[in-house]
């Protein structure tokens, strides 16, 4: 989620990027995806990255494809907390505007 002019006065209080996000909130699977990302990164060498599909497969098993966007969202939340960095072609990118393949690593 990135800064927006309409939120200038209350940026520190903004918790959701949209009304849909506010209504839905975080589901148990969202917490599971965050935990899976962190576990996978903890198991890797320092500087290594993971593909979001790896976390989706850990949580979703054979039915992992529908979890790809929730996994990317989990990575964005972790990035906003400073716990991970999202990269494309080896360079850090703004997670709210990244399109295409991404990798998740430690900052």
PDB file of N, CA and C in Angstrom:
ATOM      1  N   UNK A   1       0.852  -1.159   0.000  1.00  0.00           N
ATOM      2  CA  UNK A   1       0.000   0.000   0.000  1.00  0.00           C
ATOM      3  C   UNK A   1       0.900   1.225   0.000  1.00  0.00           C
ATOM      4  N   UNK A   2       0.580   2.183  -0.809  1.00  0.00           N
ATOM      5  CA  UNK A   2       1.422   3.368  -0.886  1.00  0.00           C
ATOM      6  C   UNK A   2       0.651   4.612  -0.471  1.00  0.00           C
ATOM      7  N   UNK A   3       1.392   5.643  -0.113  1.00  0.00           N
ATOM      8  CA  UNK A   3       0.820   6.901   0.340  1.00  0.00           C
ATOM      9  C   UNK A   3      -0.071   7.490  -0.742  1.00  0.00           C
ATOM     10  N   UNK A   4      -1.183   8.049  -0.318  1.00  0.00           N
ATOM     11  CA  UNK A   4      -2.086   8.737  -1.241  1.00  0.00           C
ATOM     12  C   UNK A   4      -2.435  10.087  -0.650  1.00  0.00           C
ATOM     13  N   UNK A   5      -2.582  11.072  -1.509  1.00  0.00           N
ATOM     14  CA  UNK A   5      -2.851  12.433  -1.054  1.00  0.00           C
ATOM     15  C   UNK A   5      -4.099  12.508  -0.180  1.00  0.00           C
ATOM     16  N   UNK A   6      -5.133  11.750  -0.543  1.00  0.00           N
ATOM     17  CA  UNK A   6      -6.379  11.818   0.219  1.00  0.00           C
ATOM     18  C   UNK A   6      -6.198  11.318   1.657  1.00  0.00           C
ATOM     19  N   UNK A   7      -5.108  10.594   1.929  1.00  0.00           N
ATOM     20  CA  UNK A   7      -4.842  10.083   3.275  1.00  0.00           C
ATOM     21  C   UNK A   7      -3.780  10.911   4.003  1.00  0.00           C
ATOM     22  N   UNK A   8      -3.385  12.041   3.457  1.00  0.00           N
ATOM     23  CA  UNK A   8      -2.267  12.816   4.001  1.00  0.00           C
ATOM     24  C   UNK A   8      -2.435  13.143   5.480  1.00  0.00           C
ATOM     25  N   UNK A   9      -3.626  13.503   5.891  1.00  0.00           N
ATOM     26  CA  UNK A   9      -3.848  13.903   7.287  1.00  0.00           C
ATOM     27  C   UNK A   9      -3.877  12.723   8.248  1.00  0.00           C
ATOM     28  N   UNK A  10      -4.169  11.544   7.736  1.00  0.00           N
ATOM     29  CA  UNK A  10      -4.335  10.401   8.638  1.00  0.00           C
ATOM     30  C   UNK A  10      -3.512   9.186   8.210  1.00  0.00           C
ATOM     31  N   UNK A  11      -2.402   9.401   7.521  1.00  0.00           N
ATOM     32  CA  UNK A  11      -1.621   8.293   6.979  1.00  0.00           C
ATOM     33  C   UNK A  11      -1.215   7.289   8.056  1.00  0.00           C
ATOM     34  N   UNK A  12      -0.858   7.758   9.244  1.00  0.00           N
ATOM     35  CA  UNK A  12      -0.434   6.847  10.313  1.00  0.00           C
ATOM     36  C   UNK A  12      -1.561   5.955  10.808  1.00  0.00           C
ATOM     37  N   UNK A  13      -2.801   6.325  10.510  1.00  0.00           N
ATOM     38  CA  UNK A  13      -3.952   5.558  10.973  1.00  0.00           C
ATOM     39  C   UNK A  13      -4.530   4.630   9.904  1.00  0.00           C
ATOM     40  N   UNK A  14      -4.057   4.757   8.667  1.00  0.00           N
ATOM     41  CA  UNK A  14      -4.585   3.953   7.565  1.00  0.00           C
ATOM     42  C   UNK A  14      -4.186   2.496   7.764  1.00  0.00           C
ATOM     43  N   UNK A  15      -5.170   1.610   7.752  1.00  0.00           N
ATOM     44  CA  UNK A  15      -4.894   0.185   7.954  1.00  0.00           C
ATOM     45  C   UNK A  15      -5.284  -0.660   6.749  1.00  0.00           C
ATOM     46  N   UNK A  16      -6.176  -0.151   5.908  1.00  0.00           N
ATOM     47  CA  UNK A  16      -6.669  -0.929   4.775  1.00  0.00           C
ATOM     48  C   UNK A  16      -6.539  -0.107   3.504  1.00  0.00           C
ATOM     49  N   UNK A  17      -6.271  -0.783   2.396  1.00  0.00           N
ATOM     50  CA  UNK A  17      -6.083  -0.095   1.128  1.00  0.00           C
ATOM     51  C   UNK A  17      -7.400   0.195   0.418  1.00  0.00           C
ATOM     52  N   UNK A  18      -8.461  -0.496   0.797  1.00  0.00           N
ATOM     53  CA  UNK A  18      -9.745  -0.304   0.125  1.00  0.00           C
ATOM     54  C   UNK A  18     -10.881  -0.743   1.036  1.00  0.00           C
ATOM     55  N   UNK A  19     -12.104  -0.380   0.640  1.00  0.00           N
ATOM     56  CA  UNK A  19     -13.277  -0.823   1.399  1.00  0.00           C
ATOM     57  C   UNK A  19     -13.406  -2.340   1.352  1.00  0.00           C
ATOM     58  N   UNK A  20     -13.088  -2.928   0.203  1.00  0.00           N
ATOM     59  CA  UNK A  20     -13.174  -4.390   0.080  1.00  0.00           C
ATOM     60  C   UNK A  20     -12.207  -5.063   1.051  1.00  0.00           C
ATOM     61  N   UNK A  21     -11.014  -4.517   1.162  1.00  0.00           N
ATOM     62  CA  UNK A  21     -10.024  -5.072   2.084  1.00  0.00           C
ATOM     63  C   UNK A  21     -10.497  -4.907   3.532  1.00  0.00           C
ATOM     64  N   UNK A  22     -11.101  -3.768   3.825  1.00  0.00           N
ATOM     65  CA  UNK A  22     -11.603  -3.532   5.182  1.00  0.00           C
ATOM     66  C   UNK A  22     -12.722  -4.510   5.524  1.00  0.00           C
ATOM     67  N   UNK A  23     -13.637  -4.729   4.590  1.00  0.00           N
ATOM     68  CA  UNK A  23     -14.767  -5.641   4.830  1.00  0.00           C
ATOM     69  C   UNK A  23     -14.291  -7.075   5.029  1.00  0.00           C
ATOM     70  N   UNK A  24     -13.394  -7.511   4.188  1.00  0.00           N
ATOM     71  CA  UNK A  24     -12.942  -8.895   4.249  1.00  0.00           C
ATOM     72  C   UNK A  24     -12.038  -9.155   5.440  1.00  0.00           C
ATOM     73  N   UNK A  25     -11.149  -8.222   5.721  1.00  0.00           N
ATOM     74  CA  UNK A  25     -10.206  -8.419   6.818  1.00  0.00           C
ATOM     75  C   UNK A  25      -9.239  -9.554   6.504  1.00  0.00           C
ATOM     76  N   UNK A  26      -8.493  -9.969   7.505  1.00  0.00           N
ATOM     77  CA  UNK A  26      -7.545 -11.065   7.325  1.00  0.00           C
ATOM     78  C   UNK A  26      -8.182 -12.375   7.753  1.00  0.00           C
ATOM     79  N   UNK A  27      -8.071 -13.353   6.886  1.00  0.00           N
ATOM     80  CA  UNK A  27      -8.598 -14.688   7.183  1.00  0.00           C
ATOM     81  C   UNK A  27      -7.475 -15.549   7.745  1.00  0.00           C
ATOM     82  N   UNK A  28      -7.817 -16.678   8.342  1.00  0.00           N
ATOM     83  CA  UNK A  28      -6.765 -17.574   8.851  1.00  0.00           C
ATOM     84  C   UNK A  28      -5.752 -17.968   7.774  1.00  0.00           C
ATOM     85  N   UNK A  29      -6.216 -18.166   6.539  1.00  0.00           N
ATOM     86  CA  UNK A  29      -5.290 -18.550   5.469  1.00  0.00           C
ATOM     87  C   UNK A  29      -4.279 -17.437   5.207  1.00  0.00           C
ATOM     88  N   UNK A  30      -4.670 -16.182   5.407  1.00  0.00           N
ATOM     89  CA  UNK A  30      -3.736 -15.073   5.210  1.00  0.00           C
ATOM     90  C   UNK A  30      -2.599 -15.138   6.227  1.00  0.00           C
ATOM     91  N   UNK A  31      -2.937 -15.446   7.469  1.00  0.00           N
ATOM     92  CA  UNK A  31      -1.906 -15.605   8.502  1.00  0.00           C
ATOM     93  C   UNK A  31      -1.027 -16.823   8.201  1.00  0.00           C
ATOM     94  N   UNK A  32      -1.647 -17.896   7.695  1.00  0.00           N
ATOM     95  CA  UNK A  32      -0.885 -19.097   7.328  1.00  0.00           C
ATOM     96  C   UNK A  32       0.121 -18.788   6.221  1.00  0.00           C
ATOM     97  N   UNK A  33      -0.290 -17.978   5.253  1.00  0.00           N
ATOM     98  CA  UNK A  33       0.606 -17.622   4.151  1.00  0.00           C
ATOM     99  C   UNK A  33       1.781 -16.778   4.647  1.00  0.00           C
ATOM    100  N   UNK A  34       1.498 -15.827   5.528  1.00  0.00           N
ATOM    101  CA  UNK A  34       2.584 -15.021   6.093  1.00  0.00           C
ATOM    102  C   UNK A  34       3.585 -15.911   6.830  1.00  0.00           C
ATOM    103  N   UNK A  35       3.062 -16.829   7.634  1.00  0.00           N
ATOM    104  CA  UNK A  35       3.934 -17.735   8.391  1.00  0.00           C
ATOM    105  C   UNK A  35       4.740 -18.631   7.449  1.00  0.00           C
ATOM    106  N   UNK A  36       4.110 -19.104   6.373  1.00  0.00           N
ATOM    107  CA  UNK A  36       4.810 -19.967   5.414  1.00  0.00           C
ATOM    108  C   UNK A  36       5.947 -19.206   4.737  1.00  0.00           C
ATOM    109  N   UNK A  37       5.701 -17.963   4.372  1.00  0.00           N
ATOM    110  CA  UNK A  37       6.753 -17.147   3.756  1.00  0.00           C
ATOM    111  C   UNK A  37       7.935 -17.020   4.716  1.00  0.00           C
ATOM    112  N   UNK A  38       7.641 -16.705   5.963  1.00  0.00           N
ATOM    113  CA  UNK A  38       8.726 -16.522   6.937  1.00  0.00           C
ATOM    114  C   UNK A  38       9.477 -17.826   7.201  1.00  0.00           C
ATOM    115  N   UNK A  39       8.744 -18.937   7.298  1.00  0.00           N
ATOM    116  CA  UNK A  39       9.409 -20.233   7.523  1.00  0.00           C
ATOM    117  C   UNK A  39      10.316 -20.596   6.353  1.00  0.00           C
ATOM    118  N   UNK A  40       9.822 -20.401   5.138  1.00  0.00           N
ATOM    119  CA  UNK A  40      10.631 -20.721   3.959  1.00  0.00           C
ATOM    120  C   UNK A  40      11.892 -19.863   3.910  1.00  0.00           C
ATOM    121  N   UNK A  41      11.760 -18.584   4.230  1.00  0.00           N
ATOM    122  CA  UNK A  41      12.933 -17.709   4.218  1.00  0.00           C
ATOM    123  C   UNK A  41      13.910 -18.065   5.332  1.00  0.00           C
ATOM    124  N   UNK A  42      13.382 -18.454   6.486  1.00  0.00           N
ATOM    125  CA  UNK A  42      14.256 -18.856   7.598  1.00  0.00           C
ATOM    126  C   UNK A  42      15.070 -20.098   7.248  1.00  0.00           C
ATOM    127  N   UNK A  43      14.507 -20.964   6.404  1.00  0.00           N
ATOM    128  CA  UNK A  43      15.180 -22.207   6.028  1.00  0.00           C
ATOM    129  C   UNK A  43      16.223 -21.993   4.927  1.00  0.00           C
ATOM    130  N   UNK A  44      16.243 -20.814   4.325  1.00  0.00           N
ATOM    131  CA  UNK A  44      17.175 -20.528   3.229  1.00  0.00           C
ATOM    132  C   UNK A  44      18.418 -19.812   3.734  1.00  0.00           C
ATOM    133  N   UNK A  45      19.435 -19.847   2.906  1.00  0.00           N
ATOM    134  CA  UNK A  45      20.668 -19.124   3.218  1.00  0.00           C
ATOM    135  C   UNK A  45      20.394 -17.622   3.192  1.00  0.00           C
ATOM    136  N   UNK A  46      21.200 -16.888   3.935  1.00  0.00           N
ATOM    137  CA  UNK A  46      21.062 -15.434   3.945  1.00  0.00           C
ATOM    138  C   UNK A  46      21.223 -14.907   2.517  1.00  0.00           C
ATOM    139  N   UNK A  47      20.339 -14.026   2.110  1.00  0.00           N
ATOM    140  CA  UNK A  47      20.387 -13.467   0.768  1.00  0.00           C
ATOM    141  C   UNK A  47      19.571 -14.243  -0.251  1.00  0.00           C
ATOM    142  N   UNK A  48      19.098 -15.429   0.111  1.00  0.00           N
ATOM    143  CA  UNK A  48      18.284 -16.229  -0.809  1.00  0.00           C
ATOM    144  C   UNK A  48      16.857 -15.678  -0.852  1.00  0.00           C
ATOM    145  N   UNK A  49      16.164 -15.975  -1.940  1.00  0.00           N
ATOM    146  CA  UNK A  49      14.781 -15.532  -2.099  1.00  0.00           C
ATOM    147  C   UNK A  49      13.892 -16.733  -2.384  1.00  0.00           C
ATOM    148  N   UNK A  50      12.583 -16.494  -2.264  1.00  0.00           N
ATOM    149  CA  UNK A  50      11.611 -17.531  -2.614  1.00  0.00           C
ATOM    150  C   UNK A  50      10.628 -16.966  -3.624  1.00  0.00           C
ATOM    151  N   UNK A  51       9.983 -17.853  -4.329  1.00  0.00           N
ATOM    152  CA  UNK A  51       8.895 -17.494  -5.224  1.00  0.00           C
ATOM    153  C   UNK A  51       7.602 -17.573  -4.408  1.00  0.00           C
ATOM    154  N   UNK A  52       6.656 -16.652  -4.603  1.00  0.00           N
ATOM    155  CA  UNK A  52       5.395 -16.732  -3.869  1.00  0.00           C
ATOM    156  C   UNK A  52       4.689 -18.075  -4.035  1.00  0.00           C
ATOM    157  N   UNK A  53       4.890 -18.733  -5.168  1.00  0.00           N
ATOM    158  CA  UNK A  53       4.225 -20.020  -5.388  1.00  0.00           C
ATOM    159  C   UNK A  53       4.689 -21.081  -4.393  1.00  0.00           C
ATOM    160  N   UNK A  54       5.904 -20.945  -3.872  1.00  0.00           N
ATOM    161  CA  UNK A  54       6.388 -21.911  -2.882  1.00  0.00           C
ATOM    162  C   UNK A  54       5.542 -21.847  -1.615  1.00  0.00           C
ATOM    163  N   UNK A  55       5.234 -20.641  -1.148  1.00  0.00           N
ATOM    164  CA  UNK A  55       4.394 -20.486   0.047  1.00  0.00           C
ATOM    165  C   UNK A  55       2.966 -20.940  -0.245  1.00  0.00           C
ATOM    166  N   UNK A  56       2.470 -20.632  -1.448  1.00  0.00           N
ATOM    167  CA  UNK A  56       1.117 -21.063  -1.819  1.00  0.00           C
ATOM    168  C   UNK A  56       1.021 -22.583  -1.825  1.00  0.00           C
ATOM    169  N   UNK A  57       2.062 -23.253  -2.306  1.00  0.00           N
ATOM    170  CA  UNK A  57       2.067 -24.722  -2.322  1.00  0.00           C
ATOM    171  C   UNK A  57       2.114 -25.304  -0.912  1.00  0.00           C
ATOM    172  N   UNK A  58       2.865 -24.670  -0.017  1.00  0.00           N
ATOM    173  CA  UNK A  58       2.942 -25.150   1.367  1.00  0.00           C
ATOM    174  C   UNK A  58       1.564 -25.090   2.017  1.00  0.00           C
ATOM    175  N   UNK A  59       0.849 -23.995   1.810  1.00  0.00           N
ATOM    176  CA  UNK A  59      -0.453 -23.806   2.461  1.00  0.00           C
ATOM    177  C   UNK A  59      -1.574 -24.516   1.713  1.00  0.00           C
ATOM    178  N   UNK A  60      -1.565 -24.446   0.374  1.00  0.00           N
ATOM    179  CA  UNK A  60      -2.684 -24.957  -0.409  1.00  0.00           C
ATOM    180  C   UNK A  60      -2.544 -26.369  -0.922  1.00  0.00           C
ATOM    181  N   UNK A  61      -1.362 -26.943  -0.832  1.00  0.00           N
ATOM    182  CA  UNK A  61      -1.170 -28.291  -1.356  1.00  0.00           C
ATOM    183  C   UNK A  61      -1.376 -28.328  -2.862  1.00  0.00           C
ATOM    184  N   UNK A  62      -2.121 -29.329  -3.333  1.00  0.00           N
ATOM    185  CA  UNK A  62      -2.356 -29.473  -4.775  1.00  0.00           C
ATOM    186  C   UNK A  62      -3.228 -28.359  -5.343  1.00  0.00           C
ATOM    187  N   UNK A  63      -4.007 -27.705  -4.509  1.00  0.00           N
ATOM    188  CA  UNK A  63      -4.898 -26.630  -4.958  1.00  0.00           C
ATOM    189  C   UNK A  63      -4.289 -25.273  -4.598  1.00  0.00           C
ATOM    190  N   UNK A  64      -3.053 -25.032  -5.022  1.00  0.00           N
ATOM    191  CA  UNK A  64      -2.319 -23.840  -4.626  1.00  0.00           C
ATOM    192  C   UNK A  64      -2.564 -22.632  -5.516  1.00  0.00           C
ATOM    193  N   UNK A  65      -2.966 -22.815  -6.763  1.00  0.00           N
ATOM    194  CA  UNK A  65      -3.088 -21.688  -7.694  1.00  0.00           C
ATOM    195  C   UNK A  65      -4.022 -20.576  -7.214  1.00  0.00           C
ATOM    196  N   UNK A  66      -5.183 -20.894  -6.620  1.00  0.00           N
ATOM    197  CA  UNK A  66      -6.051 -19.799  -6.149  1.00  0.00           C
ATOM    198  C   UNK A  66      -5.427 -18.974  -5.017  1.00  0.00           C
ATOM    199  N   UNK A  67      -4.355 -19.468  -4.428  1.00  0.00           N
ATOM    200  CA  UNK A  67      -3.712 -18.745  -3.329  1.00  0.00           C
ATOM    201  C   UNK A  67      -2.600 -17.803  -3.796  1.00  0.00           C
ATOM    202  N   UNK A  68      -2.379 -17.703  -5.099  1.00  0.00           N
ATOM    203  CA  UNK A  68      -1.283 -16.861  -5.570  1.00  0.00           C
ATOM    204  C   UNK A  68      -1.485 -15.384  -5.222  1.00  0.00           C
ATOM    205  N   UNK A  69      -2.651 -14.828  -5.490  1.00  0.00           N
ATOM    206  CA  UNK A  69      -2.861 -13.412  -5.155  1.00  0.00           C
ATOM    207  C   UNK A  69      -2.873 -13.193  -3.643  1.00  0.00           C
ATOM    208  N   UNK A  70      -3.533 -14.054  -2.856  1.00  0.00           N
ATOM    209  CA  UNK A  70      -3.414 -13.887  -1.401  1.00  0.00           C
ATOM    210  C   UNK A  70      -1.968 -14.004  -0.905  1.00  0.00           C
ATOM    211  N   UNK A  71      -1.147 -14.812  -1.577  1.00  0.00           N
ATOM    212  CA  UNK A  71       0.259 -14.931  -1.184  1.00  0.00           C
ATOM    213  C   UNK A  71       1.006 -13.642  -1.487  1.00  0.00           C
ATOM    214  N   UNK A  72       0.739 -13.060  -2.640  1.00  0.00           N
ATOM    215  CA  UNK A  72       1.361 -11.774  -2.975  1.00  0.00           C
ATOM    216  C   UNK A  72       0.921 -10.699  -1.982  1.00  0.00           C
ATOM    217  N   UNK A  73      -0.355 -10.745  -1.582  1.00  0.00           N
ATOM    218  CA  UNK A  73      -0.853  -9.781  -0.592  1.00  0.00           C
ATOM    219  C   UNK A  73      -0.157  -9.986   0.756  1.00  0.00           C
ATOM    220  N   UNK A  74       0.047 -11.242   1.139  1.00  0.00           N
ATOM    221  CA  UNK A  74       0.758 -11.537   2.390  1.00  0.00           C
ATOM    222  C   UNK A  74       2.184 -10.990   2.318  1.00  0.00           C
ATOM    223  N   UNK A  75       2.819 -11.149   1.172  1.00  0.00           N
ATOM    224  CA  UNK A  75       4.177 -10.625   0.994  1.00  0.00           C
ATOM    225  C   UNK A  75       4.176  -9.098   1.085  1.00  0.00           C
ATOM    226  N   UNK A  76       3.153  -8.448   0.522  1.00  0.00           N
ATOM    227  CA  UNK A  76       3.064  -6.987   0.615  1.00  0.00           C
ATOM    228  C   UNK A  76       2.917  -6.536   2.066  1.00  0.00           C
ATOM    229  N   UNK A  77       2.105  -7.263   2.848  1.00  0.00           N
ATOM    230  CA  UNK A  77       1.949  -6.909   4.265  1.00  0.00           C
ATOM    231  C   UNK A  77       3.270  -7.062   5.011  1.00  0.00           C
ATOM    232  N   UNK A  78       3.968  -8.165   4.755  1.00  0.00           N
ATOM    233  CA  UNK A  78       5.259  -8.386   5.409  1.00  0.00           C
ATOM    234  C   UNK A  78       6.275  -7.325   4.985  1.00  0.00           C
ATOM    235  N   UNK A  79       6.202  -6.911   3.736  1.00  0.00           N
ATOM    236  CA  UNK A  79       7.099  -5.870   3.234  1.00  0.00           C
ATOM    237  C   UNK A  79       6.788  -4.538   3.929  1.00  0.00           C
ATOM    238  N   UNK A  80       5.515  -4.231   4.092  1.00  0.00           N
ATOM    239  CA  UNK A  80       5.121  -2.993   4.777  1.00  0.00           C
ATOM    240  C   UNK A  80       5.612  -2.984   6.220  1.00  0.00           C
ATOM    241  N   UNK A  81       5.692  -4.165   6.837  1.00  0.00           N
ATOM    242  CA  UNK A  81       6.199  -4.287   8.206  1.00  0.00           C
ATOM    243  C   UNK A  81       7.727  -4.296   8.258  1.00  0.00           C
ATOM    244  N   UNK A  82       8.373  -4.327   7.086  1.00  0.00           N
ATOM    245  CA  UNK A  82       9.830  -4.349   7.044  1.00  0.00           C
ATOM    246  C   UNK A  82      10.441  -5.717   7.279  1.00  0.00           C
ATOM    247  N   UNK A  83       9.623  -6.763   7.211  1.00  0.00           N
ATOM    248  CA  UNK A  83      10.118  -8.117   7.487  1.00  0.00           C
ATOM    249  C   UNK A  83      10.634  -8.825   6.240  1.00  0.00           C
ATOM    250  N   UNK A  84      10.198  -8.387   5.059  1.00  0.00           N
ATOM    251  CA  UNK A  84      10.691  -8.952   3.803  1.00  0.00           C
ATOM    252  C   UNK A  84      10.887  -7.824   2.796  1.00  0.00           C
ATOM    253  N   UNK A  85      11.560  -8.150   1.717  1.00  0.00           N
ATOM    254  CA  UNK A  85      11.702  -7.237   0.593  1.00  0.00           C
ATOM    255  C   UNK A  85      11.217  -7.975  -0.648  1.00  0.00           C
ATOM    256  N   UNK A  86      10.539  -7.262  -1.523  1.00  0.00           N
ATOM    257  CA  UNK A  86      10.039  -7.847  -2.768  1.00  0.00           C
ATOM    258  C   UNK A  86      10.917  -7.340  -3.903  1.00  0.00           C
ATOM    259  N   UNK A  87      11.388  -8.278  -4.725  1.00  0.00           N
ATOM    260  CA  UNK A  87      12.292  -7.910  -5.810  1.00  0.00           C
ATOM    261  C   UNK A  87      11.777  -8.417  -7.154  1.00  0.00           C
ATOM    262  N   UNK A  88      12.254  -7.747  -8.195  1.00  0.00           N
ATOM    263  CA  UNK A  88      12.076  -8.193  -9.577  1.00  0.00           C
ATOM    264  C   UNK A  88      13.424  -8.022 -10.256  1.00  0.00           C
ATOM    265  N   UNK A  89      13.868  -9.071 -10.919  1.00  0.00           N
ATOM    266  CA  UNK A  89      15.178  -9.062 -11.582  1.00  0.00           C
ATOM    267  C   UNK A  89      16.291  -8.665 -10.618  1.00  0.00           C
ATOM    268  N   UNK A  90      16.147  -9.088  -9.357  1.00  0.00           N
ATOM    269  CA  UNK A  90      17.186  -8.850  -8.368  1.00  0.00           C
ATOM    270  C   UNK A  90      17.183  -7.476  -7.724  1.00  0.00           C
ATOM    271  N   UNK A  91      16.238  -6.623  -8.104  1.00  0.00           N
ATOM    272  CA  UNK A  91      16.183  -5.269  -7.551  1.00  0.00           C
ATOM    273  C   UNK A  91      14.914  -5.076  -6.743  1.00  0.00           C
ATOM    274  N   UNK A  92      15.006  -4.386  -5.597  1.00  0.00           N
ATOM    275  CA  UNK A  92      13.801  -4.110  -4.808  1.00  0.00           C
ATOM    276  C   UNK A  92      12.810  -3.267  -5.612  1.00  0.00           C
ATOM    277  N   UNK A  93      11.531  -3.587  -5.455  1.00  0.00           N
ATOM    278  CA  UNK A  93      10.476  -2.857  -6.154  1.00  0.00           C
ATOM    279  C   UNK A  93       9.404  -2.438  -5.156  1.00  0.00           C
ATOM    280  N   UNK A  94       8.594  -1.475  -5.565  1.00  0.00           N
ATOM    281  CA  UNK A  94       7.452  -1.051  -4.763  1.00  0.00           C
ATOM    282  C   UNK A  94       6.405  -2.152  -4.863  1.00  0.00           C
ATOM    283  N   UNK A  95       6.072  -2.803  -3.750  1.00  0.00           N
ATOM    284  CA  UNK A  95       5.160  -3.944  -3.820  1.00  0.00           C
ATOM    285  C   UNK A  95       3.758  -3.593  -4.298  1.00  0.00           C
ATOM    286  N   UNK A  96       3.342  -2.343  -4.117  1.00  0.00           N
ATOM    287  CA  UNK A  96       1.983  -1.990  -4.527  1.00  0.00           C
ATOM    288  C   UNK A  96       1.862  -1.797  -6.035  1.00  0.00           C
ATOM    289  N   UNK A  97       2.983  -1.649  -6.728  1.00  0.00           N
ATOM    290  CA  UNK A  97       2.924  -1.452  -8.176  1.00  0.00           C
ATOM    291  C   UNK A  97       3.614  -2.560  -8.967  1.00  0.00           C
ATOM    292  N   UNK A  98       4.199  -3.528  -8.289  1.00  0.00           N
ATOM    293  CA  UNK A  98       4.920  -4.607  -8.976  1.00  0.00           C
ATOM    294  C   UNK A  98       3.949  -5.476  -9.770  1.00  0.00           C
ATOM    295  N   UNK A  99       4.285  -5.699 -11.026  1.00  0.00           N
ATOM    296  CA  UNK A  99       3.497  -6.582 -11.890  1.00  0.00           C
ATOM    297  C   UNK A  99       4.428  -7.643 -12.437  1.00  0.00           C
ATOM    298  N   UNK A 100       3.888  -8.820 -12.637  1.00  0.00           N
ATOM    299  CA  UNK A 100       4.709  -9.897 -13.166  1.00  0.00           C
ATOM    300  C   UNK A 100       5.398 -10.675 -12.062  1.00  0.00           C
ATOM    301  N   UNK A 101       6.382 -11.494 -12.439  1.00  0.00           N
ATOM    302  CA  UNK A 101       7.059 -12.354 -11.467  1.00  0.00           C
ATOM    303  C   UNK A 101       7.808 -11.546 -10.406  1.00  0.00           C
ATOM    304  N   UNK A 102       7.665 -11.977  -9.164  1.00  0.00           N
ATOM    305  CA  UNK A 102       8.382 -11.347  -8.060  1.00  0.00           C
ATOM    306  C   UNK A 102       9.101 -12.417  -7.252  1.00  0.00           C
ATOM    307  N   UNK A 103      10.056 -11.987  -6.463  1.00  0.00           N
ATOM    308  CA  UNK A 103      10.742 -12.850  -5.509  1.00  0.00           C
ATOM    309  C   UNK A 103      10.629 -12.180  -4.150  1.00  0.00           C
ATOM    310  N   UNK A 104      10.664 -12.996  -3.106  1.00  0.00           N
ATOM    311  CA  UNK A 104      10.549 -12.492  -1.744  1.00  0.00           C
ATOM    312  C   UNK A 104      11.820 -12.872  -0.999  1.00  0.00           C
ATOM    313  N   UNK A 105      12.422 -11.901  -0.336  1.00  0.00           N
ATOM    314  CA  UNK A 105      13.639 -12.161   0.424  1.00  0.00           C
ATOM    315  C   UNK A 105      13.655 -11.355   1.708  1.00  0.00           C
ATOM    316  N   UNK A 106      14.723 -11.526   2.457  1.00  0.00           N
ATOM    317  CA  UNK A 106      14.907 -10.758   3.693  1.00  0.00           C
ATOM    318  C   UNK A 106      15.570  -9.426   3.359  1.00  0.00           C
ATOM    319  N   UNK A 107      15.227  -8.384   4.110  1.00  0.00           N
ATOM    320  CA  UNK A 107      15.865  -7.074   3.852  1.00  0.00           C
ATOM    321  C   UNK A 107      17.347  -7.082   4.199  1.00  0.00           C
TER     322      UNK A 107
END
